[in-house]
Amino acid sequence: MSNELTNTNDAGTASDLVAPRSTHCYPPVLDACCSARMMWFDKQDSRAVYYDKRAEDFGMQKNGRVLTVSPDVQGCFTEMPFPDETFSLVAFDPPHMKGTEARLNGVMGRQYGLLFPGWEDVIAGGFRECFRVLKGNGVLIFKWCEVEIPLSKVLALTDQKPLFGNRSGKAMNTHWVTFIKCG
């Protein structure tokens, strides 16, 4: 196996797509659920590893763009294949809408992913993994839209204390929360 990350378009499992843990030098940033990289100014920024459990093309959207989920490494954010304390900054923008039959093939569900029963354990596991791969004194940026689930309920799923945050969006329902891993 080479010391380079392999794009998921080459197929394989998450463990096949990551270089040996002891020999690879990773970029400083991890996007733990990149989806279509919608929050990125440069969707190909080489300072980041883009990670998602999906790799798919959803075709044309209403705005005329093609929605593509194409992570560098494919896998679940609750069990990431990276060594402890690898990244200086982790972006964690997990799905925030409850899954329903109607949403499975809808634009929002496809674009952002969905939460299903047991979602609390999944999000708690995501927080644990994000903090595990975050270096000491590293920063975690957490994004959450609380249209269906209040931010306070989600923040209760981690034992880490947030530093500060900001609300955004038309209805001010999207929260950007900053954490720092002491140590």
N, C-alpha and C. Protein backbone atom coordinates (compact mmCIF):
# COMPACT_ATOMS: atom_id res chain seq x y z
N MET A 1 0.84 -1.18 0.00
CA MET A 1 0.00 0.00 0.00
C MET A 1 0.89 1.24 0.00
N SER A 2 0.52 2.23 -0.79
CA SER A 2 1.33 3.44 -0.87
C SER A 2 1.04 4.33 0.33
N ASN A 3 1.78 5.40 0.44
CA ASN A 3 1.57 6.36 1.51
C ASN A 3 0.64 7.49 1.10
N GLU A 4 -0.13 7.32 0.08
CA GLU A 4 -1.05 8.34 -0.40
C GLU A 4 -2.49 7.93 -0.15
N LEU A 5 -3.34 8.93 0.12
CA LEU A 5 -4.76 8.66 0.21
C LEU A 5 -5.26 8.32 -1.18
N THR A 6 -6.16 7.38 -1.26
CA THR A 6 -6.73 6.97 -2.53
C THR A 6 -8.15 7.48 -2.61
N ASN A 7 -8.53 8.07 -3.72
CA ASN A 7 -9.89 8.56 -3.90
C ASN A 7 -10.85 7.38 -3.91
N THR A 8 -12.01 7.56 -3.30
CA THR A 8 -12.99 6.48 -3.22
C THR A 8 -13.54 6.09 -4.58
N ASN A 9 -13.35 6.91 -5.58
CA ASN A 9 -13.81 6.54 -6.91
C ASN A 9 -13.04 5.32 -7.43
N ASP A 10 -11.90 5.01 -6.79
CA ASP A 10 -11.13 3.83 -7.16
C ASP A 10 -11.69 2.57 -6.50
N ALA A 11 -12.73 2.72 -5.69
CA ALA A 11 -13.42 1.63 -4.98
C ALA A 11 -12.60 1.13 -3.80
N GLY A 12 -13.25 0.38 -2.94
CA GLY A 12 -12.58 -0.18 -1.76
C GLY A 12 -13.25 0.25 -0.49
N THR A 13 -12.82 -0.30 0.62
CA THR A 13 -13.37 0.05 1.92
C THR A 13 -12.55 1.18 2.51
N ALA A 14 -13.03 1.73 3.61
CA ALA A 14 -12.31 2.84 4.25
C ALA A 14 -10.91 2.42 4.62
N SER A 15 -10.72 1.19 5.11
CA SER A 15 -9.38 0.77 5.50
C SER A 15 -8.46 0.63 4.29
N ASP A 16 -9.02 0.34 3.11
CA ASP A 16 -8.22 0.27 1.89
C ASP A 16 -7.80 1.65 1.40
N LEU A 17 -8.54 2.67 1.83
CA LEU A 17 -8.36 4.00 1.27
C LEU A 17 -7.47 4.90 2.11
N VAL A 18 -6.92 4.39 3.18
CA VAL A 18 -6.07 5.18 4.06
C VAL A 18 -4.70 4.55 4.12
N ALA A 19 -3.69 5.39 4.05
CA ALA A 19 -2.32 4.91 4.13
C ALA A 19 -2.05 4.31 5.51
N PRO A 20 -1.00 3.52 5.64
CA PRO A 20 -0.66 2.96 6.95
C PRO A 20 -0.57 4.07 8.00
N ARG A 21 -1.16 3.82 9.15
CA ARG A 21 -1.28 4.85 10.18
C ARG A 21 0.06 5.42 10.64
N SER A 22 1.08 4.63 10.67
CA SER A 22 2.34 5.10 11.24
C SER A 22 3.22 5.85 10.24
N THR A 23 2.92 5.81 8.95
CA THR A 23 3.83 6.39 7.97
C THR A 23 3.28 7.56 7.19
N HIS A 24 2.00 7.84 7.28
CA HIS A 24 1.41 8.87 6.43
C HIS A 24 1.36 10.23 7.11
N CYS A 25 1.63 11.25 6.34
CA CYS A 25 1.50 12.63 6.81
C CYS A 25 0.19 13.18 6.24
N TYR A 26 -0.77 13.42 7.09
CA TYR A 26 -2.09 13.88 6.65
C TYR A 26 -2.14 15.40 6.59
N PRO A 27 -3.05 15.94 5.76
CA PRO A 27 -3.29 17.39 5.80
C PRO A 27 -3.79 17.78 7.19
N PRO A 28 -3.75 19.07 7.53
CA PRO A 28 -4.12 19.48 8.90
C PRO A 28 -5.61 19.48 9.22
N VAL A 29 -6.47 19.37 8.21
CA VAL A 29 -7.91 19.52 8.41
C VAL A 29 -8.65 18.26 7.99
N LEU A 30 -9.66 17.89 8.79
CA LEU A 30 -10.56 16.79 8.45
C LEU A 30 -11.98 17.32 8.41
N ASP A 31 -12.69 17.07 7.32
CA ASP A 31 -14.13 17.30 7.24
C ASP A 31 -14.75 15.92 7.44
N ALA A 32 -15.29 15.67 8.63
CA ALA A 32 -15.72 14.33 9.04
C ALA A 32 -17.00 13.86 8.37
N CYS A 33 -17.78 14.74 7.79
CA CYS A 33 -18.96 14.34 6.99
C CYS A 33 -19.13 15.39 5.90
N CYS A 34 -18.33 15.25 4.87
CA CYS A 34 -18.19 16.31 3.87
C CYS A 34 -19.40 16.48 2.96
N SER A 35 -20.19 15.44 2.77
CA SER A 35 -21.32 15.49 1.84
C SER A 35 -20.82 16.07 0.50
N ALA A 36 -21.50 17.08 -0.03
CA ALA A 36 -21.10 17.67 -1.31
C ALA A 36 -20.17 18.87 -1.12
N ARG A 37 -19.58 19.00 0.07
CA ARG A 37 -18.60 20.07 0.38
C ARG A 37 -19.20 21.46 0.22
N MET A 38 -20.47 21.59 0.56
CA MET A 38 -21.20 22.84 0.31
C MET A 38 -20.68 24.03 1.11
N MET A 39 -20.08 23.80 2.28
CA MET A 39 -19.60 24.93 3.08
C MET A 39 -18.20 25.39 2.69
N TRP A 40 -17.56 24.67 1.79
CA TRP A 40 -16.17 24.96 1.41
C TRP A 40 -16.12 26.02 0.32
N PHE A 41 -15.21 27.00 0.50
CA PHE A 41 -14.95 27.97 -0.57
C PHE A 41 -14.26 27.28 -1.73
N ASP A 42 -13.27 26.44 -1.42
CA ASP A 42 -12.54 25.66 -2.43
C ASP A 42 -12.84 24.20 -2.15
N LYS A 43 -13.69 23.60 -2.95
CA LYS A 43 -14.14 22.22 -2.72
C LYS A 43 -13.05 21.17 -2.96
N GLN A 44 -11.89 21.61 -3.43
CA GLN A 44 -10.75 20.71 -3.64
C GLN A 44 -9.56 21.11 -2.78
N ASP A 45 -9.80 21.86 -1.71
CA ASP A 45 -8.71 22.38 -0.88
C ASP A 45 -7.82 21.24 -0.38
N SER A 46 -6.55 21.28 -0.74
CA SER A 46 -5.62 20.19 -0.41
C SER A 46 -5.20 20.18 1.06
N ARG A 47 -5.62 21.18 1.81
CA ARG A 47 -5.30 21.19 3.25
C ARG A 47 -6.24 20.31 4.06
N ALA A 48 -7.21 19.69 3.38
CA ALA A 48 -8.22 18.89 4.09
C ALA A 48 -8.32 17.48 3.53
N VAL A 49 -8.74 16.58 4.42
CA VAL A 49 -9.18 15.24 4.04
C VAL A 49 -10.70 15.27 4.12
N TYR A 50 -11.37 14.90 3.03
CA TYR A 50 -12.82 14.90 2.98
C TYR A 50 -13.31 13.47 3.22
N TYR A 51 -14.17 13.32 4.22
CA TYR A 51 -14.59 12.01 4.70
C TYR A 51 -16.12 11.94 4.72
N ASP A 52 -16.69 10.87 4.23
CA ASP A 52 -18.14 10.68 4.26
C ASP A 52 -18.45 9.20 4.05
N LYS A 53 -19.60 8.76 4.54
CA LYS A 53 -19.97 7.36 4.35
C LYS A 53 -20.55 7.12 2.97
N ARG A 54 -20.91 8.19 2.28
CA ARG A 54 -21.52 8.06 0.96
C ARG A 54 -20.53 8.50 -0.13
N ALA A 55 -20.69 7.92 -1.30
CA ALA A 55 -20.01 8.37 -2.50
C ALA A 55 -21.01 8.18 -3.63
N GLU A 56 -21.66 9.25 -4.03
CA GLU A 56 -22.71 9.14 -5.05
C GLU A 56 -22.91 10.44 -5.79
N ASP A 57 -23.52 10.30 -6.95
CA ASP A 57 -23.88 11.41 -7.82
C ASP A 57 -25.40 11.46 -7.85
N PHE A 58 -25.98 12.62 -7.52
CA PHE A 58 -27.43 12.71 -7.45
C PHE A 58 -28.06 13.39 -8.66
N GLY A 59 -27.27 13.73 -9.66
CA GLY A 59 -27.83 14.34 -10.85
C GLY A 59 -28.16 15.81 -10.66
N MET A 60 -28.90 16.35 -11.59
CA MET A 60 -29.21 17.77 -11.65
C MET A 60 -30.16 18.19 -10.53
N GLN A 61 -29.84 19.31 -9.91
CA GLN A 61 -30.68 19.90 -8.87
C GLN A 61 -31.44 21.08 -9.45
N LYS A 62 -32.35 21.65 -8.68
CA LYS A 62 -33.16 22.79 -9.13
C LYS A 62 -32.31 23.96 -9.60
N ASN A 63 -31.15 24.16 -8.97
CA ASN A 63 -30.29 25.29 -9.32
C ASN A 63 -29.42 25.01 -10.56
N GLY A 64 -29.58 23.83 -11.16
CA GLY A 64 -28.84 23.51 -12.36
C GLY A 64 -27.51 22.84 -12.12
N ARG A 65 -27.10 22.71 -10.86
CA ARG A 65 -25.83 22.07 -10.54
C ARG A 65 -26.04 20.58 -10.28
N VAL A 66 -24.98 19.82 -10.48
CA VAL A 66 -25.00 18.40 -10.17
C VAL A 66 -24.49 18.23 -8.75
N LEU A 67 -25.25 17.51 -7.92
CA LEU A 67 -24.84 17.26 -6.54
C LEU A 67 -24.03 15.98 -6.50
N THR A 68 -22.76 16.10 -6.10
CA THR A 68 -21.86 14.96 -6.05
C THR A 68 -21.25 14.84 -4.66
N VAL A 69 -21.35 13.66 -4.08
CA VAL A 69 -20.69 13.35 -2.82
C VAL A 69 -19.50 12.48 -3.18
N SER A 70 -18.29 13.04 -3.06
CA SER A 70 -17.08 12.34 -3.48
C SER A 70 -15.98 12.53 -2.45
N PRO A 71 -16.04 11.78 -1.35
CA PRO A 71 -15.02 11.94 -0.31
C PRO A 71 -13.67 11.37 -0.75
N ASP A 72 -12.61 11.87 -0.11
CA ASP A 72 -11.28 11.27 -0.31
C ASP A 72 -11.25 9.88 0.32
N VAL A 73 -11.90 9.77 1.47
CA VAL A 73 -11.95 8.52 2.23
C VAL A 73 -13.40 8.28 2.60
N GLN A 74 -13.86 7.06 2.36
CA GLN A 74 -15.25 6.72 2.63
C GLN A 74 -15.36 5.85 3.88
N GLY A 75 -16.27 6.23 4.79
CA GLY A 75 -16.51 5.45 5.99
C GLY A 75 -17.42 6.21 6.94
N CYS A 76 -17.78 5.58 8.03
CA CYS A 76 -18.68 6.16 9.02
C CYS A 76 -17.91 7.01 10.02
N PHE A 77 -18.43 8.18 10.36
CA PHE A 77 -17.73 9.08 11.28
C PHE A 77 -17.69 8.55 12.71
N THR A 78 -18.35 7.44 13.00
CA THR A 78 -18.27 6.85 14.34
C THR A 78 -17.08 5.90 14.48
N GLU A 79 -16.44 5.54 13.37
CA GLU A 79 -15.26 4.66 13.39
C GLU A 79 -14.32 5.07 12.28
N MET A 80 -13.57 6.12 12.50
CA MET A 80 -12.67 6.63 11.47
C MET A 80 -11.33 5.91 11.52
N PRO A 81 -10.72 5.69 10.36
CA PRO A 81 -9.48 4.91 10.27
C PRO A 81 -8.20 5.71 10.53
N PHE A 82 -8.33 6.90 11.06
CA PHE A 82 -7.16 7.76 11.27
C PHE A 82 -6.57 7.54 12.67
N PRO A 83 -5.27 7.76 12.81
CA PRO A 83 -4.64 7.63 14.13
C PRO A 83 -5.15 8.70 15.10
N ASP A 84 -4.96 8.44 16.39
CA ASP A 84 -5.28 9.43 17.43
C ASP A 84 -4.49 10.70 17.15
N GLU A 85 -5.10 11.84 17.46
CA GLU A 85 -4.44 13.15 17.39
C GLU A 85 -3.74 13.41 16.06
N THR A 86 -4.49 13.28 14.98
CA THR A 86 -3.95 13.45 13.63
C THR A 86 -4.17 14.86 13.07
N PHE A 87 -5.31 15.47 13.36
CA PHE A 87 -5.72 16.71 12.70
C PHE A 87 -5.72 17.90 13.65
N SER A 88 -5.35 19.07 13.13
CA SER A 88 -5.37 20.31 13.91
C SER A 88 -6.76 20.92 13.97
N LEU A 89 -7.56 20.67 12.94
CA LEU A 89 -8.93 21.19 12.87
C LEU A 89 -9.83 20.11 12.31
N VAL A 90 -10.98 19.91 12.95
CA VAL A 90 -11.99 18.96 12.46
C VAL A 90 -13.29 19.72 12.28
N ALA A 91 -13.90 19.58 11.11
CA ALA A 91 -15.24 20.12 10.86
C ALA A 91 -16.22 18.96 10.98
N PHE A 92 -17.26 19.12 11.80
CA PHE A 92 -18.24 18.07 12.04
C PHE A 92 -19.63 18.64 11.76
N ASP A 93 -20.18 18.28 10.60
CA ASP A 93 -21.49 18.75 10.14
C ASP A 93 -22.34 17.53 9.83
N PRO A 94 -22.82 16.82 10.88
CA PRO A 94 -23.56 15.58 10.64
C PRO A 94 -24.98 15.86 10.15
N PRO A 95 -25.66 14.83 9.66
CA PRO A 95 -27.08 15.00 9.31
C PRO A 95 -27.85 15.53 10.51
N HIS A 96 -28.87 16.34 10.25
CA HIS A 96 -29.63 16.94 11.34
C HIS A 96 -31.14 16.79 11.18
N MET A 97 -31.59 16.14 10.10
CA MET A 97 -33.03 15.94 9.88
C MET A 97 -33.39 14.49 10.15
N LYS A 98 -34.54 14.29 10.77
CA LYS A 98 -35.02 12.94 11.04
C LYS A 98 -35.44 12.28 9.74
N GLY A 99 -35.05 11.02 9.60
CA GLY A 99 -35.38 10.27 8.39
C GLY A 99 -36.84 9.86 8.36
N THR A 100 -37.47 10.10 7.23
CA THR A 100 -38.84 9.64 6.99
C THR A 100 -38.87 9.05 5.59
N GLU A 101 -39.88 8.28 5.31
CA GLU A 101 -40.02 7.67 3.99
C GLU A 101 -39.99 8.74 2.89
N ALA A 102 -40.69 9.84 3.12
CA ALA A 102 -40.78 10.91 2.13
C ALA A 102 -39.42 11.57 1.88
N ARG A 103 -38.55 11.59 2.88
CA ARG A 103 -37.27 12.28 2.75
C ARG A 103 -36.16 11.41 2.17
N LEU A 104 -36.35 10.12 2.09
CA LEU A 104 -35.28 9.23 1.65
C LEU A 104 -34.71 9.62 0.30
N ASN A 105 -35.56 10.01 -0.65
CA ASN A 105 -35.08 10.37 -1.97
C ASN A 105 -35.23 11.86 -2.27
N GLY A 106 -35.58 12.64 -1.25
CA GLY A 106 -35.74 14.08 -1.44
C GLY A 106 -34.40 14.78 -1.51
N VAL A 107 -34.43 16.00 -2.02
CA VAL A 107 -33.20 16.78 -2.19
C VAL A 107 -32.50 17.01 -0.86
N MET A 108 -33.23 17.41 0.17
CA MET A 108 -32.60 17.69 1.47
C MET A 108 -32.00 16.43 2.07
N GLY A 109 -32.70 15.33 2.01
CA GLY A 109 -32.17 14.07 2.53
C GLY A 109 -30.93 13.61 1.79
N ARG A 110 -30.96 13.75 0.47
CA ARG A 110 -29.80 13.36 -0.33
C ARG A 110 -28.62 14.29 -0.09
N GLN A 111 -28.92 15.57 0.04
CA GLN A 111 -27.86 16.56 0.19
C GLN A 111 -27.18 16.47 1.55
N TYR A 112 -27.95 16.30 2.60
CA TYR A 112 -27.40 16.38 3.95
C TYR A 112 -27.39 15.06 4.72
N GLY A 113 -28.06 14.03 4.22
CA GLY A 113 -28.19 12.79 4.97
C GLY A 113 -29.32 12.90 5.98
N LEU A 114 -29.67 11.79 6.61
CA LEU A 114 -30.80 11.74 7.53
C LEU A 114 -30.43 11.03 8.83
N LEU A 115 -31.17 11.34 9.88
CA LEU A 115 -31.03 10.67 11.17
C LEU A 115 -32.16 9.67 11.34
N PHE A 116 -31.84 8.54 11.92
CA PHE A 116 -32.83 7.49 12.14
C PHE A 116 -32.87 7.12 13.61
N PRO A 117 -33.83 6.30 14.05
CA PRO A 117 -33.88 5.93 15.47
C PRO A 117 -32.50 5.47 15.95
N GLY A 118 -32.15 5.93 17.15
CA GLY A 118 -30.81 5.66 17.68
C GLY A 118 -29.81 6.73 17.30
N TRP A 119 -30.29 7.81 16.70
CA TRP A 119 -29.40 8.86 16.21
C TRP A 119 -28.53 9.45 17.32
N GLU A 120 -29.04 9.47 18.56
CA GLU A 120 -28.27 10.04 19.66
C GLU A 120 -26.94 9.30 19.85
N ASP A 121 -26.98 7.96 19.76
CA ASP A 121 -25.75 7.18 19.89
C ASP A 121 -24.79 7.45 18.73
N VAL A 122 -25.34 7.65 17.54
CA VAL A 122 -24.52 7.92 16.36
C VAL A 122 -23.82 9.27 16.50
N ILE A 123 -24.56 10.30 16.88
CA ILE A 123 -23.95 11.63 17.03
C ILE A 123 -22.95 11.63 18.18
N ALA A 124 -23.28 10.97 19.30
CA ALA A 124 -22.33 10.87 20.43
C ALA A 124 -21.05 10.17 19.98
N GLY A 125 -21.19 9.09 19.20
CA GLY A 125 -20.02 8.39 18.67
C GLY A 125 -19.21 9.26 17.72
N GLY A 126 -19.89 10.09 16.95
CA GLY A 126 -19.21 11.02 16.05
C GLY A 126 -18.39 12.05 16.82
N PHE A 127 -18.98 12.59 17.88
CA PHE A 127 -18.22 13.53 18.73
C PHE A 127 -16.98 12.84 19.30
N ARG A 128 -17.14 11.62 19.83
CA ARG A 128 -15.99 10.91 20.42
C ARG A 128 -14.88 10.71 19.39
N GLU A 129 -15.25 10.28 18.19
CA GLU A 129 -14.24 10.04 17.14
C GLU A 129 -13.59 11.34 16.69
N CYS A 130 -14.36 12.39 16.54
CA CYS A 130 -13.79 13.68 16.12
C CYS A 130 -12.78 14.17 17.14
N PHE A 131 -13.10 14.04 18.43
CA PHE A 131 -12.15 14.47 19.46
C PHE A 131 -10.96 13.51 19.55
N ARG A 132 -11.16 12.25 19.23
CA ARG A 132 -10.04 11.28 19.24
C ARG A 132 -9.00 11.65 18.19
N VAL A 133 -9.44 11.99 16.98
CA VAL A 133 -8.50 12.28 15.89
C VAL A 133 -7.99 13.72 15.92
N LEU A 134 -8.54 14.54 16.80
CA LEU A 134 -8.13 15.93 16.93
C LEU A 134 -6.88 16.02 17.82
N LYS A 135 -5.89 16.78 17.38
CA LYS A 135 -4.68 16.98 18.17
C LYS A 135 -4.98 17.79 19.43
N GLY A 136 -4.11 17.68 20.43
CA GLY A 136 -4.21 18.54 21.61
C GLY A 136 -4.14 19.99 21.19
N ASN A 137 -4.97 20.82 21.77
CA ASN A 137 -5.13 22.23 21.42
C ASN A 137 -5.70 22.44 20.02
N GLY A 138 -6.23 21.38 19.42
CA GLY A 138 -6.89 21.48 18.13
C GLY A 138 -8.30 22.00 18.27
N VAL A 139 -8.88 22.43 17.16
CA VAL A 139 -10.20 23.05 17.14
C VAL A 139 -11.19 22.16 16.39
N LEU A 140 -12.37 22.00 16.99
CA LEU A 140 -13.49 21.31 16.34
C LEU A 140 -14.57 22.34 16.06
N ILE A 141 -14.98 22.42 14.80
CA ILE A 141 -16.09 23.28 14.40
C ILE A 141 -17.28 22.36 14.16
N PHE A 142 -18.34 22.58 14.94
CA PHE A 142 -19.55 21.76 14.84
C PHE A 142 -20.68 22.61 14.27
N LYS A 143 -21.34 22.07 13.23
CA LYS A 143 -22.45 22.78 12.60
C LYS A 143 -23.73 21.99 12.83
N TRP A 144 -24.77 22.68 13.28
CA TRP A 144 -26.05 22.01 13.55
C TRP A 144 -27.21 22.92 13.20
N CYS A 145 -28.19 22.39 12.49
CA CYS A 145 -29.43 23.11 12.20
C CYS A 145 -30.51 22.54 13.12
N GLU A 146 -31.07 23.39 13.97
CA GLU A 146 -31.98 22.90 14.99
C GLU A 146 -33.46 23.04 14.62
N VAL A 147 -33.80 22.92 13.35
CA VAL A 147 -35.19 22.99 12.95
C VAL A 147 -36.01 21.88 13.61
N GLU A 148 -35.44 20.69 13.75
CA GLU A 148 -36.16 19.56 14.34
C GLU A 148 -35.64 19.15 15.71
N ILE A 149 -34.36 19.29 15.94
CA ILE A 149 -33.75 18.84 17.20
C ILE A 149 -32.96 20.01 17.78
N PRO A 150 -33.30 20.42 19.00
CA PRO A 150 -32.62 21.58 19.60
C PRO A 150 -31.12 21.32 19.80
N LEU A 151 -30.34 22.36 19.62
CA LEU A 151 -28.89 22.27 19.81
C LEU A 151 -28.55 21.78 21.21
N SER A 152 -29.28 22.22 22.22
CA SER A 152 -28.99 21.81 23.60
C SER A 152 -29.06 20.29 23.77
N LYS A 153 -29.99 19.65 23.08
CA LYS A 153 -30.10 18.18 23.16
C LYS A 153 -28.89 17.51 22.52
N VAL A 154 -28.36 18.11 21.48
CA VAL A 154 -27.21 17.54 20.77
C VAL A 154 -25.92 17.79 21.56
N LEU A 155 -25.75 18.98 22.09
CA LEU A 155 -24.54 19.28 22.86
C LEU A 155 -24.46 18.42 24.13
N ALA A 156 -25.60 17.95 24.62
CA ALA A 156 -25.61 17.07 25.80
C ALA A 156 -25.02 15.70 25.48
N LEU A 157 -24.77 15.41 24.19
CA LEU A 157 -24.23 14.11 23.78
C LEU A 157 -22.71 14.05 23.85
N THR A 158 -22.06 15.15 24.20
CA THR A 158 -20.61 15.16 24.36
C THR A 158 -20.26 15.72 25.74
N ASP A 159 -19.16 15.24 26.29
CA ASP A 159 -18.71 15.76 27.58
C ASP A 159 -17.77 16.96 27.41
N GLN A 160 -17.53 17.34 26.16
CA GLN A 160 -16.65 18.48 25.88
C GLN A 160 -17.45 19.79 25.97
N LYS A 161 -16.82 20.80 26.49
CA LYS A 161 -17.47 22.10 26.69
C LYS A 161 -17.19 23.01 25.49
N PRO A 162 -18.25 23.54 24.86
CA PRO A 162 -18.02 24.46 23.74
C PRO A 162 -17.42 25.78 24.21
N LEU A 163 -16.64 26.39 23.32
CA LEU A 163 -16.01 27.68 23.61
C LEU A 163 -16.96 28.83 23.29
N PHE A 164 -17.42 28.88 22.04
CA PHE A 164 -18.33 29.92 21.58
C PHE A 164 -18.99 29.45 20.31
N GLY A 165 -20.00 30.21 19.85
CA GLY A 165 -20.70 29.84 18.64
C GLY A 165 -21.39 31.03 18.00
N ASN A 166 -22.07 30.75 16.90
CA ASN A 166 -22.76 31.78 16.14
C ASN A 166 -23.96 31.15 15.45
N ARG A 167 -25.02 31.92 15.32
CA ARG A 167 -26.21 31.48 14.57
C ARG A 167 -26.18 32.09 13.17
N SER A 168 -26.70 31.34 12.21
CA SER A 168 -26.76 31.86 10.84
C SER A 168 -28.01 31.29 10.15
N GLY A 169 -28.21 31.70 8.93
CA GLY A 169 -29.36 31.24 8.15
C GLY A 169 -30.51 32.22 8.22
N LYS A 170 -31.46 32.05 7.32
CA LYS A 170 -32.61 32.97 7.25
C LYS A 170 -33.39 33.04 8.55
N ALA A 171 -33.60 31.89 9.18
CA ALA A 171 -34.36 31.84 10.43
C ALA A 171 -33.45 31.73 11.65
N MET A 172 -32.15 31.86 11.45
CA MET A 172 -31.16 31.77 12.53
C MET A 172 -31.22 30.41 13.23
N ASN A 173 -31.50 29.35 12.48
CA ASN A 173 -31.59 28.00 13.04
C ASN A 173 -30.29 27.21 12.94
N THR A 174 -29.34 27.69 12.17
CA THR A 174 -28.08 26.98 12.00
C THR A 174 -27.06 27.53 13.00
N HIS A 175 -26.46 26.63 13.74
CA HIS A 175 -25.47 27.01 14.75
C HIS A 175 -24.09 26.53 14.33
N TRP A 176 -23.10 27.37 14.49
CA TRP A 176 -21.70 27.04 14.32
C TRP A 176 -21.09 27.10 15.72
N VAL A 177 -20.62 25.98 16.22
CA VAL A 177 -20.12 25.88 17.59
C VAL A 177 -18.65 25.48 17.56
N THR A 178 -17.84 26.20 18.33
CA THR A 178 -16.40 25.96 18.36
C THR A 178 -15.98 25.32 19.67
N PHE A 179 -15.20 24.26 19.55
CA PHE A 179 -14.63 23.56 20.70
C PHE A 179 -13.11 23.61 20.55
N ILE A 180 -12.40 23.49 21.67
CA ILE A 180 -10.96 23.30 21.63
C ILE A 180 -10.64 22.09 22.51
N LYS A 181 -9.75 21.24 22.02
CA LYS A 181 -9.35 20.06 22.79
C LYS A 181 -8.14 20.45 23.63
N CYS A 182 -8.35 20.57 24.91
CA CYS A 182 -7.25 20.95 25.80
C CYS A 182 -6.24 19.81 25.93
N GLY A 183 -4.98 20.19 25.93
CA GLY A 183 -3.96 19.16 26.13
C GLY A 183 -2.92 19.09 25.11
